[in-house]
Amino acid sequence: MTIEQIVEMLIDILVQDLGIDVPRERIHSSASLQGELGLDSVAILGLIAAIEKRLGFELADAALRPSTFGTVGSVAEGVAASIAAQTATS
């Protein structure tokens, strides 16, 4: 998956699975999860669970650092790293 595809997947999760109260067209890779999108720690845990469910594997420990969950783009980069790690071990 490309970063752009991962960002689209994350937007789908945020809108469809988490039901955030932000119009889809206002969500972009530099959108702050807590500031602009209003996610709290419980919602971020829900985001992690939804990502893992869609991917079919657990995210790598390195992707679960607080710094990963700053923006949609930083989450996408963490997911891409987890996909690469999963591919390398398969």
PDB file of N, CA and C in Angstrom:
ATOM      1  N   MET A   1       0.832  -1.186   0.000  1.00  0.00           N
ATOM      2  CA  MET A   1       0.000   0.000   0.000  1.00  0.00           C
ATOM      3  C   MET A   1       0.876   1.250   0.000  1.00  0.00           C
ATOM      4  N   THR A   2       0.446   2.232  -0.747  1.00  0.00           N
ATOM      5  CA  THR A   2       1.149   3.512  -0.740  1.00  0.00           C
ATOM      6  C   THR A   2       0.683   4.338   0.462  1.00  0.00           C
ATOM      7  N   ILE A   3       1.446   5.363   0.786  1.00  0.00           N
ATOM      8  CA  ILE A   3       1.050   6.270   1.866  1.00  0.00           C
ATOM      9  C   ILE A   3      -0.321   6.875   1.567  1.00  0.00           C
ATOM     10  N   GLU A   4      -0.567   7.239   0.318  1.00  0.00           N
ATOM     11  CA  GLU A   4      -1.847   7.831  -0.060  1.00  0.00           C
ATOM     12  C   GLU A   4      -2.996   6.853   0.177  1.00  0.00           C
ATOM     13  N   GLN A   5      -2.787   5.577  -0.144  1.00  0.00           N
ATOM     14  CA  GLN A   5      -3.813   4.559   0.085  1.00  0.00           C
ATOM     15  C   GLN A   5      -4.050   4.359   1.581  1.00  0.00           C
ATOM     16  N   ILE A   6      -2.987   4.411   2.352  1.00  0.00           N
ATOM     17  CA  ILE A   6      -3.120   4.267   3.805  1.00  0.00           C
ATOM     18  C   ILE A   6      -3.874   5.454   4.377  1.00  0.00           C
ATOM     19  N   VAL A   7      -3.564   6.666   3.909  1.00  0.00           N
ATOM     20  CA  VAL A   7      -4.292   7.856   4.371  1.00  0.00           C
ATOM     21  C   VAL A   7      -5.780   7.705   4.062  1.00  0.00           C
ATOM     22  N   GLU A   8      -6.121   7.238   2.877  1.00  0.00           N
ATOM     23  CA  GLU A   8      -7.529   7.031   2.517  1.00  0.00           C
ATOM     24  C   GLU A   8      -8.178   5.996   3.424  1.00  0.00           C
ATOM     25  N   MET A   9      -7.449   4.911   3.737  1.00  0.00           N
ATOM     26  CA  MET A   9      -7.969   3.901   4.651  1.00  0.00           C
ATOM     27  C   MET A   9      -8.221   4.521   6.028  1.00  0.00           C
ATOM     28  N   LEU A  10      -7.277   5.352   6.495  1.00  0.00           N
ATOM     29  CA  LEU A  10      -7.427   5.996   7.796  1.00  0.00           C
ATOM     30  C   LEU A  10      -8.623   6.941   7.817  1.00  0.00           C
ATOM     31  N   ILE A  11      -8.809   7.680   6.739  1.00  0.00           N
ATOM     32  CA  ILE A  11      -9.966   8.576   6.651  1.00  0.00           C
ATOM     33  C   ILE A  11     -11.261   7.766   6.707  1.00  0.00           C
ATOM     34  N   ASP A  12     -11.297   6.639   5.983  1.00  0.00           N
ATOM     35  CA  ASP A  12     -12.472   5.759   6.031  1.00  0.00           C
ATOM     36  C   ASP A  12     -12.742   5.289   7.461  1.00  0.00           C
ATOM     37  N   ILE A  13     -11.683   4.880   8.151  1.00  0.00           N
ATOM     38  CA  ILE A  13     -11.837   4.412   9.535  1.00  0.00           C
ATOM     39  C   ILE A  13     -12.356   5.534  10.422  1.00  0.00           C
ATOM     40  N   LEU A  14     -11.771   6.712  10.284  1.00  0.00           N
ATOM     41  CA  LEU A  14     -12.174   7.845  11.121  1.00  0.00           C
ATOM     42  C   LEU A  14     -13.643   8.201  10.909  1.00  0.00           C
ATOM     43  N   VAL A  15     -14.079   8.206   9.654  1.00  0.00           N
ATOM     44  CA  VAL A  15     -15.447   8.609   9.330  1.00  0.00           C
ATOM     45  C   VAL A  15     -16.436   7.469   9.562  1.00  0.00           C
ATOM     46  N   GLN A  16     -16.134   6.296   9.034  1.00  0.00           N
ATOM     47  CA  GLN A  16     -17.091   5.192   9.075  1.00  0.00           C
ATOM     48  C   GLN A  16     -17.071   4.439  10.403  1.00  0.00           C
ATOM     49  N   ASP A  17     -15.889   4.067  10.867  1.00  0.00           N
ATOM     50  CA  ASP A  17     -15.791   3.231  12.063  1.00  0.00           C
ATOM     51  C   ASP A  17     -15.890   4.045  13.354  1.00  0.00           C
ATOM     52  N   LEU A  18     -15.179   5.173  13.395  1.00  0.00           N
ATOM     53  CA  LEU A  18     -15.160   5.975  14.619  1.00  0.00           C
ATOM     54  C   LEU A  18     -16.232   7.057  14.624  1.00  0.00           C
ATOM     55  N   GLY A  19     -16.787   7.360  13.463  1.00  0.00           N
ATOM     56  CA  GLY A  19     -17.868   8.336  13.361  1.00  0.00           C
ATOM     57  C   GLY A  19     -17.511   9.721  13.868  1.00  0.00           C
ATOM     58  N   ILE A  20     -16.289  10.183  13.552  1.00  0.00           N
ATOM     59  CA  ILE A  20     -15.895  11.509  14.031  1.00  0.00           C
ATOM     60  C   ILE A  20     -16.774  12.585  13.398  1.00  0.00           C
ATOM     61  N   ASP A  21     -16.917  13.673  14.097  1.00  0.00           N
ATOM     62  CA  ASP A  21     -17.817  14.741  13.675  1.00  0.00           C
ATOM     63  C   ASP A  21     -17.076  15.810  12.870  1.00  0.00           C
ATOM     64  N   VAL A  22     -16.337  15.351  11.855  1.00  0.00           N
ATOM     65  CA  VAL A  22     -15.599  16.251  10.967  1.00  0.00           C
ATOM     66  C   VAL A  22     -15.914  15.798   9.547  1.00  0.00           C
ATOM     67  N   PRO A  23     -16.296  16.723   8.667  1.00  0.00           N
ATOM     68  CA  PRO A  23     -16.572  16.327   7.279  1.00  0.00           C
ATOM     69  C   PRO A  23     -15.356  15.662   6.632  1.00  0.00           C
ATOM     70  N   ARG A  24     -15.612  14.613   5.879  1.00  0.00           N
ATOM     71  CA  ARG A  24     -14.552  13.845   5.237  1.00  0.00           C
ATOM     72  C   ARG A  24     -13.590  14.738   4.443  1.00  0.00           C
ATOM     73  N   GLU A  25     -14.122  15.722   3.746  1.00  0.00           N
ATOM     74  CA  GLU A  25     -13.276  16.577   2.898  1.00  0.00           C
ATOM     75  C   GLU A  25     -12.329  17.469   3.708  1.00  0.00           C
ATOM     76  N   ARG A  26     -12.557  17.597   5.006  1.00  0.00           N
ATOM     77  CA  ARG A  26     -11.670  18.402   5.858  1.00  0.00           C
ATOM     78  C   ARG A  26     -10.565  17.569   6.507  1.00  0.00           C
ATOM     79  N   ILE A  27     -10.575  16.254   6.258  1.00  0.00           N
ATOM     80  CA  ILE A  27      -9.556  15.379   6.836  1.00  0.00           C
ATOM     81  C   ILE A  27      -8.451  15.186   5.808  1.00  0.00           C
ATOM     82  N   HIS A  28      -7.237  15.493   6.205  1.00  0.00           N
ATOM     83  CA  HIS A  28      -6.079  15.401   5.308  1.00  0.00           C
ATOM     84  C   HIS A  28      -4.890  14.873   6.095  1.00  0.00           C
ATOM     85  N   SER A  29      -3.798  14.599   5.408  1.00  0.00           N
ATOM     86  CA  SER A  29      -2.660  13.954   6.072  1.00  0.00           C
ATOM     87  C   SER A  29      -2.041  14.799   7.176  1.00  0.00           C
ATOM     88  N   SER A  30      -2.150  16.117   7.104  1.00  0.00           N
ATOM     89  CA  SER A  30      -1.556  16.950   8.151  1.00  0.00           C
ATOM     90  C   SER A  30      -2.548  17.307   9.268  1.00  0.00           C
ATOM     91  N   ALA A  31      -3.753  16.736   9.210  1.00  0.00           N
ATOM     92  CA  ALA A  31      -4.760  17.007  10.248  1.00  0.00           C
ATOM     93  C   ALA A  31      -4.332  16.390  11.574  1.00  0.00           C
ATOM     94  N   SER A  32      -4.374  17.192  12.618  1.00  0.00           N
ATOM     95  CA  SER A  32      -4.030  16.745  13.965  1.00  0.00           C
ATOM     96  C   SER A  32      -5.146  15.860  14.516  1.00  0.00           C
ATOM     97  N   LEU A  33      -4.773  14.678  15.002  1.00  0.00           N
ATOM     98  CA  LEU A  33      -5.788  13.765  15.531  1.00  0.00           C
ATOM     99  C   LEU A  33      -6.513  14.367  16.730  1.00  0.00           C
ATOM    100  N   GLN A  34      -5.760  14.943  17.660  1.00  0.00           N
ATOM    101  CA  GLN A  34      -6.388  15.477  18.857  1.00  0.00           C
ATOM    102  C   GLN A  34      -6.933  16.883  18.632  1.00  0.00           C
ATOM    103  N   GLY A  35      -6.165  17.742  17.982  1.00  0.00           N
ATOM    104  CA  GLY A  35      -6.581  19.127  17.787  1.00  0.00           C
ATOM    105  C   GLY A  35      -7.711  19.291  16.792  1.00  0.00           C
ATOM    106  N   GLU A  36      -7.453  18.999  15.546  1.00  0.00           N
ATOM    107  CA  GLU A  36      -8.444  19.223  14.491  1.00  0.00           C
ATOM    108  C   GLU A  36      -9.568  18.191  14.468  1.00  0.00           C
ATOM    109  N   LEU A  37      -9.221  16.932  14.768  1.00  0.00           N
ATOM    110  CA  LEU A  37     -10.211  15.867  14.639  1.00  0.00           C
ATOM    111  C   LEU A  37     -10.872  15.510  15.964  1.00  0.00           C
ATOM    112  N   GLY A  38     -10.349  16.006  17.069  1.00  0.00           N
ATOM    113  CA  GLY A  38     -10.983  15.826  18.367  1.00  0.00           C
ATOM    114  C   GLY A  38     -10.905  14.438  18.972  1.00  0.00           C
ATOM    115  N   LEU A  39      -9.923  13.635  18.578  1.00  0.00           N
ATOM    116  CA  LEU A  39      -9.802  12.300  19.151  1.00  0.00           C
ATOM    117  C   LEU A  39      -9.186  12.377  20.542  1.00  0.00           C
ATOM    118  N   ASP A  40      -9.732  11.597  21.458  1.00  0.00           N
ATOM    119  CA  ASP A  40      -9.121  11.466  22.775  1.00  0.00           C
ATOM    120  C   ASP A  40      -8.390  10.121  22.818  1.00  0.00           C
ATOM    121  N   SER A  41      -7.834   9.786  23.973  1.00  0.00           N
ATOM    122  CA  SER A  41      -7.034   8.561  24.067  1.00  0.00           C
ATOM    123  C   SER A  41      -7.861   7.314  23.790  1.00  0.00           C
ATOM    124  N   VAL A  42      -9.121   7.305  24.193  1.00  0.00           N
ATOM    125  CA  VAL A  42      -9.981   6.147  23.932  1.00  0.00           C
ATOM    126  C   VAL A  42     -10.247   6.011  22.433  1.00  0.00           C
ATOM    127  N   ALA A  43     -10.487   7.121  21.753  1.00  0.00           N
ATOM    128  CA  ALA A  43     -10.709   7.088  20.306  1.00  0.00           C
ATOM    129  C   ALA A  43      -9.448   6.635  19.569  1.00  0.00           C
ATOM    130  N   ILE A  44      -8.285   7.025  20.070  1.00  0.00           N
ATOM    131  CA  ILE A  44      -7.040   6.585  19.434  1.00  0.00           C
ATOM    132  C   ILE A  44      -6.870   5.078  19.595  1.00  0.00           C
ATOM    133  N   LEU A  45      -7.243   4.534  20.745  1.00  0.00           N
ATOM    134  CA  LEU A  45      -7.213   3.072  20.915  1.00  0.00           C
ATOM    135  C   LEU A  45      -8.174   2.404  19.941  1.00  0.00           C
ATOM    136  N   GLY A  46      -9.336   3.015  19.725  1.00  0.00           N
ATOM    137  CA  GLY A  46     -10.283   2.501  18.739  1.00  0.00           C
ATOM    138  C   GLY A  46      -9.720   2.549  17.332  1.00  0.00           C
ATOM    139  N   LEU A  47      -8.978   3.619  17.040  1.00  0.00           N
ATOM    140  CA  LEU A  47      -8.325   3.746  15.735  1.00  0.00           C
ATOM    141  C   LEU A  47      -7.316   2.630  15.537  1.00  0.00           C
ATOM    142  N   ILE A  48      -6.514   2.365  16.559  1.00  0.00           N
ATOM    143  CA  ILE A  48      -5.511   1.290  16.473  1.00  0.00           C
ATOM    144  C   ILE A  48      -6.205  -0.047  16.221  1.00  0.00           C
ATOM    145  N   ALA A  49      -7.252  -0.328  16.981  1.00  0.00           N
ATOM    146  CA  ALA A  49      -7.977  -1.595  16.821  1.00  0.00           C
ATOM    147  C   ALA A  49      -8.567  -1.717  15.419  1.00  0.00           C
ATOM    148  N   ALA A  50      -9.134  -0.637  14.900  1.00  0.00           N
ATOM    149  CA  ALA A  50      -9.738  -0.668  13.562  1.00  0.00           C
ATOM    150  C   ALA A  50      -8.685  -0.867  12.478  1.00  0.00           C
ATOM    151  N   ILE A  51      -7.527  -0.228  12.646  1.00  0.00           N
ATOM    152  CA  ILE A  51      -6.436  -0.407  11.680  1.00  0.00           C
ATOM    153  C   ILE A  51      -6.004  -1.866  11.673  1.00  0.00           C
ATOM    154  N   GLU A  52      -5.786  -2.417  12.857  1.00  0.00           N
ATOM    155  CA  GLU A  52      -5.330  -3.807  12.947  1.00  0.00           C
ATOM    156  C   GLU A  52      -6.351  -4.766  12.363  1.00  0.00           C
ATOM    157  N   LYS A  53      -7.633  -4.479  12.579  1.00  0.00           N
ATOM    158  CA  LYS A  53      -8.685  -5.332  12.020  1.00  0.00           C
ATOM    159  C   LYS A  53      -8.665  -5.282  10.497  1.00  0.00           C
ATOM    160  N   ARG A  54      -8.524  -4.081   9.934  1.00  0.00           N
ATOM    161  CA  ARG A  54      -8.509  -3.954   8.463  1.00  0.00           C
ATOM    162  C   ARG A  54      -7.287  -4.606   7.850  1.00  0.00           C
ATOM    163  N   LEU A  55      -6.132  -4.482   8.537  1.00  0.00           N
ATOM    164  CA  LEU A  55      -4.899  -5.048   7.994  1.00  0.00           C
ATOM    165  C   LEU A  55      -4.769  -6.540   8.252  1.00  0.00           C
ATOM    166  N   GLY A  56      -5.414  -7.021   9.300  1.00  0.00           N
ATOM    167  CA  GLY A  56      -5.337  -8.441   9.626  1.00  0.00           C
ATOM    168  C   GLY A  56      -4.108  -8.828  10.428  1.00  0.00           C
ATOM    169  N   PHE A  57      -3.431  -7.857  11.015  1.00  0.00           N
ATOM    170  CA  PHE A  57      -2.290  -8.134  11.888  1.00  0.00           C
ATOM    171  C   PHE A  57      -2.093  -6.963  12.841  1.00  0.00           C
ATOM    172  N   GLU A  58      -1.332  -7.217  13.919  1.00  0.00           N
ATOM    173  CA  GLU A  58      -1.074  -6.171  14.900  1.00  0.00           C
ATOM    174  C   GLU A  58       0.001  -5.221  14.395  1.00  0.00           C
ATOM    175  N   LEU A  59      -0.155  -3.950  14.719  1.00  0.00           N
ATOM    176  CA  LEU A  59       0.859  -2.964  14.356  1.00  0.00           C
ATOM    177  C   LEU A  59       2.146  -3.255  15.118  1.00  0.00           C
ATOM    178  N   ALA A  60       3.269  -2.938  14.494  1.00  0.00           N
ATOM    179  CA  ALA A  60       4.569  -3.135  15.129  1.00  0.00           C
ATOM    180  C   ALA A  60       4.674  -2.237  16.359  1.00  0.00           C
ATOM    181  N   ASP A  61       5.375  -2.717  17.376  1.00  0.00           N
ATOM    182  CA  ASP A  61       5.553  -1.935  18.607  1.00  0.00           C
ATOM    183  C   ASP A  61       6.105  -0.543  18.322  1.00  0.00           C
ATOM    184  N   ALA A  62       7.004  -0.441  17.354  1.00  0.00           N
ATOM    185  CA  ALA A  62       7.605   0.858  17.017  1.00  0.00           C
ATOM    186  C   ALA A  62       6.559   1.850  16.516  1.00  0.00           C
ATOM    187  N   ALA A  63       5.460   1.341  15.957  1.00  0.00           N
ATOM    188  CA  ALA A  63       4.404   2.218  15.437  1.00  0.00           C
ATOM    189  C   ALA A  63       3.457   2.691  16.530  1.00  0.00           C
ATOM    190  N   LEU A  64       3.586   2.140  17.719  1.00  0.00           N
ATOM    191  CA  LEU A  64       2.645   2.455  18.792  1.00  0.00           C
ATOM    192  C   LEU A  64       3.188   3.489  19.771  1.00  0.00           C
ATOM    193  N   ARG A  65       4.081   4.315  19.303  1.00  0.00           N
ATOM    194  CA  ARG A  65       4.618   5.392  20.129  1.00  0.00           C
ATOM    195  C   ARG A  65       3.680   6.592  20.060  1.00  0.00           C
ATOM    196  N   PRO A  66       3.625   7.387  21.133  1.00  0.00           N
ATOM    197  CA  PRO A  66       2.753   8.573  21.113  1.00  0.00           C
ATOM    198  C   PRO A  66       3.013   9.502  19.929  1.00  0.00           C
ATOM    199  N   SER A  67       4.261   9.622  19.505  1.00  0.00           N
ATOM    200  CA  SER A  67       4.587  10.518  18.394  1.00  0.00           C
ATOM    201  C   SER A  67       3.943  10.068  17.083  1.00  0.00           C
ATOM    202  N   THR A  68       3.623   8.799  16.962  1.00  0.00           N
ATOM    203  CA  THR A  68       2.975   8.292  15.754  1.00  0.00           C
ATOM    204  C   THR A  68       1.571   8.853  15.607  1.00  0.00           C
ATOM    205  N   PHE A  69       0.927   9.187  16.721  1.00  0.00           N
ATOM    206  CA  PHE A  69      -0.478   9.565  16.692  1.00  0.00           C
ATOM    207  C   PHE A  69      -0.694  11.069  16.787  1.00  0.00           C
ATOM    208  N   GLY A  70       0.189  11.824  16.123  1.00  0.00           N
ATOM    209  CA  GLY A  70       0.044  13.269  16.064  1.00  0.00           C
ATOM    210  C   GLY A  70      -0.882  13.717  14.945  1.00  0.00           C
ATOM    211  N   THR A  71      -0.636  13.198  13.762  1.00  0.00           N
ATOM    212  CA  THR A  71      -1.422  13.569  12.587  1.00  0.00           C
ATOM    213  C   THR A  71      -1.845  12.317  11.823  1.00  0.00           C
ATOM    214  N   VAL A  72      -2.763  12.490  10.899  1.00  0.00           N
ATOM    215  CA  VAL A  72      -3.174  11.385  10.034  1.00  0.00           C
ATOM    216  C   VAL A  72      -1.956  10.865   9.266  1.00  0.00           C
ATOM    217  N   GLY A  73      -1.110  11.778   8.787  1.00  0.00           N
ATOM    218  CA  GLY A  73       0.079  11.382   8.037  1.00  0.00           C
ATOM    219  C   GLY A  73       1.083  10.605   8.871  1.00  0.00           C
ATOM    220  N   SER A  74       1.267  10.992  10.131  1.00  0.00           N
ATOM    221  CA  SER A  74       2.219  10.258  10.976  1.00  0.00           C
ATOM    222  C   SER A  74       1.693   8.860  11.290  1.00  0.00           C
ATOM    223  N   VAL A  75       0.387   8.721  11.419  1.00  0.00           N
ATOM    224  CA  VAL A  75      -0.193   7.385  11.601  1.00  0.00           C
ATOM    225  C   VAL A  75       0.029   6.563  10.331  1.00  0.00           C
ATOM    226  N   ALA A  76      -0.176   7.179   9.171  1.00  0.00           N
ATOM    227  CA  ALA A  76       0.023   6.482   7.898  1.00  0.00           C
ATOM    228  C   ALA A  76       1.464   5.987   7.767  1.00  0.00           C
ATOM    229  N   GLU A  77       2.416   6.804   8.194  1.00  0.00           N
ATOM    230  CA  GLU A  77       3.820   6.380   8.137  1.00  0.00           C
ATOM    231  C   GLU A  77       4.078   5.207   9.075  1.00  0.00           C
ATOM    232  N   GLY A  78       3.475   5.234  10.271  1.00  0.00           N
ATOM    233  CA  GLY A  78       3.614   4.114  11.203  1.00  0.00           C
ATOM    234  C   GLY A  78       2.985   2.841  10.655  1.00  0.00           C
ATOM    235  N   VAL A  79       1.841   2.989  10.017  1.00  0.00           N
ATOM    236  CA  VAL A  79       1.183   1.837   9.403  1.00  0.00           C
ATOM    237  C   VAL A  79       2.040   1.292   8.261  1.00  0.00           C
ATOM    238  N   ALA A  80       2.595   2.172   7.434  1.00  0.00           N
ATOM    239  CA  ALA A  80       3.465   1.724   6.335  1.00  0.00           C
ATOM    240  C   ALA A  80       4.668   0.964   6.864  1.00  0.00           C
ATOM    241  N   ALA A  81       5.252   1.444   7.955  1.00  0.00           N
ATOM    242  CA  ALA A  81       6.403   0.752   8.556  1.00  0.00           C
ATOM    243  C   ALA A  81       5.984  -0.623   9.090  1.00  0.00           C
ATOM    244  N   SER A  82       4.796  -0.692   9.660  1.00  0.00           N
ATOM    245  CA  SER A  82       4.291  -1.977  10.164  1.00  0.00           C
ATOM    246  C   SER A  82       4.023  -2.955   9.022  1.00  0.00           C
ATOM    247  N   ILE A  83       3.493  -2.453   7.919  1.00  0.00           N
ATOM    248  CA  ILE A  83       3.256  -3.307   6.749  1.00  0.00           C
ATOM    249  C   ILE A  83       4.585  -3.823   6.222  1.00  0.00           C
ATOM    250  N   ALA A  84       5.589  -2.947   6.147  1.00  0.00           N
ATOM    251  CA  ALA A  84       6.906  -3.373   5.677  1.00  0.00           C
ATOM    252  C   ALA A  84       7.506  -4.427   6.594  1.00  0.00           C
ATOM    253  N   ALA A  85       7.367  -4.234   7.904  1.00  0.00           N
ATOM    254  CA  ALA A  85       7.889  -5.208   8.876  1.00  0.00           C
ATOM    255  C   ALA A  85       7.160  -6.540   8.758  1.00  0.00           C
ATOM    256  N   GLN A  86       5.853  -6.474   8.578  1.00  0.00           N
ATOM    257  CA  GLN A  86       5.053  -7.697   8.440  1.00  0.00           C
ATOM    258  C   GLN A  86       5.443  -8.450   7.170  1.00  0.00           C
ATOM    259  N   THR A  87       5.647  -7.711   6.088  1.00  0.00           N
ATOM    260  CA  THR A  87       6.035  -8.311   4.816  1.00  0.00           C
ATOM    261  C   THR A  87       7.414  -8.976   4.923  1.00  0.00           C
ATOM    262  N   ALA A  88       8.317  -8.331   5.644  1.00  0.00           N
ATOM    263  CA  ALA A  88       9.674  -8.839   5.789  1.00  0.00           C
ATOM    264  C   ALA A  88       9.709 -10.132   6.596  1.00  0.00           C
ATOM    265  N   THR A  89       8.767 -10.304   7.527  1.00  0.00           N
ATOM    266  CA  THR A  89       8.756 -11.518   8.349  1.00  0.00           C
ATOM    267  C   THR A  89       7.889 -12.625   7.769  1.00  0.00           C
ATOM    268  N   SER A  90       7.153 -12.330   6.712  1.00  0.00           N
ATOM    269  CA  SER A  90       6.263 -13.344   6.109  1.00  0.00           C
ATOM    270  C   SER A  90       7.004 -14.233   5.149  1.00  0.00           C
TER     271      SER A  90
END
